[in-house]
Amino acid sequence: FVTILCLFVCFATASAQMHVIDSLRAVINSSITAEKKLQAYVLLTGRLGTVSFNETIKIGEQGVALAQAQKDSIALAQLTHYIGSAHYFKGDYEKAATLYYTSLGIFERYNQKKE
């Protein structure tokens, strides 16, 4: 009984995760504002980090391009961090470290501007 219950919970969680991912993809492909699309890119890239490293990198890089166009440093830092995590889990530690430090630098510059 416990095994069946665990399988059911795992399936329900995976199903809910895929529903959220599909919804975020629909937002990105819709004709909403660039700001809302950028939010969806950040959320989607974060969610994909546990599903597909290659997809995380691909979607994250699309989000980075939009973040740069919108001059949104926080979204850029978040996306860079997520892409770095994907590279880390793929075993590309040098690329991951570069992206982590880039992300950290963006966050630090943003915090200095706020003060």
Protein backbone atom coordinates (compact mmCIF):
# COMPACT_ATOMS: atom_id res chain seq x y z
CA PHE A 1 0.00 0.00 0.00
CA VAL A 2 2.78 2.43 0.91
CA THR A 3 4.53 1.80 -2.41
CA ILE A 4 1.35 2.50 -4.35
CA LEU A 5 0.77 5.67 -2.35
CA CYS A 6 4.35 6.85 -3.01
CA LEU A 7 3.99 6.16 -6.72
CA PHE A 8 0.72 8.09 -6.82
CA VAL A 9 2.26 11.09 -5.04
CA CYS A 10 5.28 11.06 -7.36
CA PHE A 11 3.07 10.86 -10.45
CA ALA A 12 0.81 13.66 -9.22
CA THR A 13 3.80 15.89 -8.47
CA ALA A 14 5.39 15.24 -11.87
CA SER A 15 2.09 15.87 -13.60
CA ALA A 16 1.61 19.18 -11.77
CA GLN A 17 5.20 20.20 -12.60
CA MET A 18 4.63 19.54 -16.31
CA HIS A 19 1.37 21.52 -16.22
CA VAL A 20 3.21 24.55 -14.80
CA ILE A 21 5.96 24.18 -17.41
CA ASP A 22 3.42 23.98 -20.23
CA SER A 23 1.61 27.05 -18.88
CA LEU A 24 4.83 29.07 -18.72
CA ARG A 25 5.69 28.07 -22.27
CA ALA A 26 2.25 29.27 -23.39
CA VAL A 27 2.87 32.63 -21.71
CA ILE A 28 6.21 33.00 -23.49
CA ASN A 29 4.59 32.24 -26.85
CA SER A 30 1.69 34.62 -26.30
CA SER A 31 1.51 38.29 -27.26
CA ILE A 32 1.88 39.73 -23.76
CA THR A 33 4.31 42.42 -22.68
CA ALA A 34 8.05 41.78 -22.73
CA GLU A 35 8.13 42.28 -18.96
CA LYS A 36 5.61 39.46 -18.39
CA LYS A 37 7.44 37.22 -20.87
CA LEU A 38 10.67 37.85 -19.01
CA GLN A 39 9.04 36.82 -15.73
CA ALA A 40 7.84 33.64 -17.44
CA TYR A 41 11.35 32.95 -18.77
CA VAL A 42 12.81 33.26 -15.27
CA LEU A 43 10.17 30.97 -13.76
CA LEU A 44 10.37 28.45 -16.60
CA THR A 45 14.16 28.29 -16.52
CA GLY A 46 14.02 27.69 -12.77
CA ARG A 47 11.44 24.92 -13.15
CA LEU A 48 13.29 23.23 -16.00
CA GLY A 49 16.41 22.95 -13.86
CA THR A 50 15.03 19.74 -12.35
CA VAL A 51 13.64 18.38 -15.62
CA SER A 52 16.16 18.93 -18.43
CA PHE A 53 19.56 20.59 -18.23
CA ASN A 54 19.79 21.14 -21.99
CA GLU A 55 16.33 22.71 -22.09
CA THR A 56 17.24 24.88 -19.09
CA ILE A 57 20.23 26.24 -21.00
CA LYS A 58 18.26 26.79 -24.22
CA ILE A 59 15.31 28.58 -22.60
CA GLY A 60 17.60 30.41 -20.19
CA GLU A 61 19.67 31.83 -23.04
CA GLN A 62 16.50 33.07 -24.76
CA GLY A 63 15.55 34.73 -21.48
CA VAL A 64 19.01 36.28 -21.16
CA ALA A 65 18.59 37.92 -24.57
CA LEU A 66 15.25 39.39 -23.48
CA ALA A 67 16.64 40.49 -20.10
CA GLN A 68 19.48 42.30 -21.84
CA ALA A 69 17.07 43.97 -24.26
CA GLN A 70 14.86 45.04 -21.33
CA LYS A 71 17.90 46.07 -19.25
CA ASP A 72 16.61 43.97 -16.35
CA SER A 73 19.67 43.13 -14.27
CA ILE A 74 17.86 41.03 -11.67
CA ALA A 75 16.26 38.76 -14.29
CA LEU A 76 19.64 38.55 -16.03
CA ALA A 77 21.32 37.48 -12.79
CA GLN A 78 18.62 34.90 -12.02
CA LEU A 79 18.74 33.41 -15.51
CA THR A 80 22.54 33.32 -15.51
CA HIS A 81 22.46 31.50 -12.17
CA TYR A 82 19.97 28.89 -13.46
CA ILE A 83 22.03 28.32 -16.61
CA GLY A 84 25.13 27.94 -14.44
CA SER A 85 23.37 25.30 -12.35
CA ALA A 86 22.46 23.35 -15.49
CA HIS A 87 26.09 23.42 -16.65
CA TYR A 88 27.20 22.28 -13.19
CA PHE A 89 24.89 19.26 -13.24
CA LYS A 90 26.03 18.45 -16.78
CA GLY A 91 29.59 18.30 -15.44
CA ASP A 92 30.83 21.49 -17.12
CA TYR A 93 32.21 22.99 -13.92
CA GLU A 94 34.33 25.69 -15.53
CA LYS A 95 31.35 27.13 -17.43
CA ALA A 96 29.21 26.81 -14.31
CA ALA A 97 31.71 28.73 -12.21
CA THR A 98 31.97 31.49 -14.80
CA LEU A 99 28.19 31.87 -14.88
CA TYR A 100 27.88 31.76 -11.09
CA TYR A 101 30.46 34.53 -10.70
CA THR A 102 28.76 36.56 -13.43
CA SER A 103 25.44 36.19 -11.64
CA LEU A 104 26.99 37.10 -8.30
CA GLY A 105 28.59 40.21 -9.80
CA ILE A 106 25.26 41.37 -11.23
CA PHE A 107 23.51 40.89 -7.89
CA GLU A 108 26.30 42.75 -6.06
CA ARG A 109 26.16 45.70 -8.49
CA TYR A 110 22.38 45.85 -8.14
CA ASN A 111 22.60 45.91 -4.33
CA GLN A 112 25.20 48.71 -4.44
CA LYS A 113 22.90 50.81 -6.64
CA LYS A 114 20.07 50.36 -4.15
CA GLU A 115 22.13 51.68 -1.21
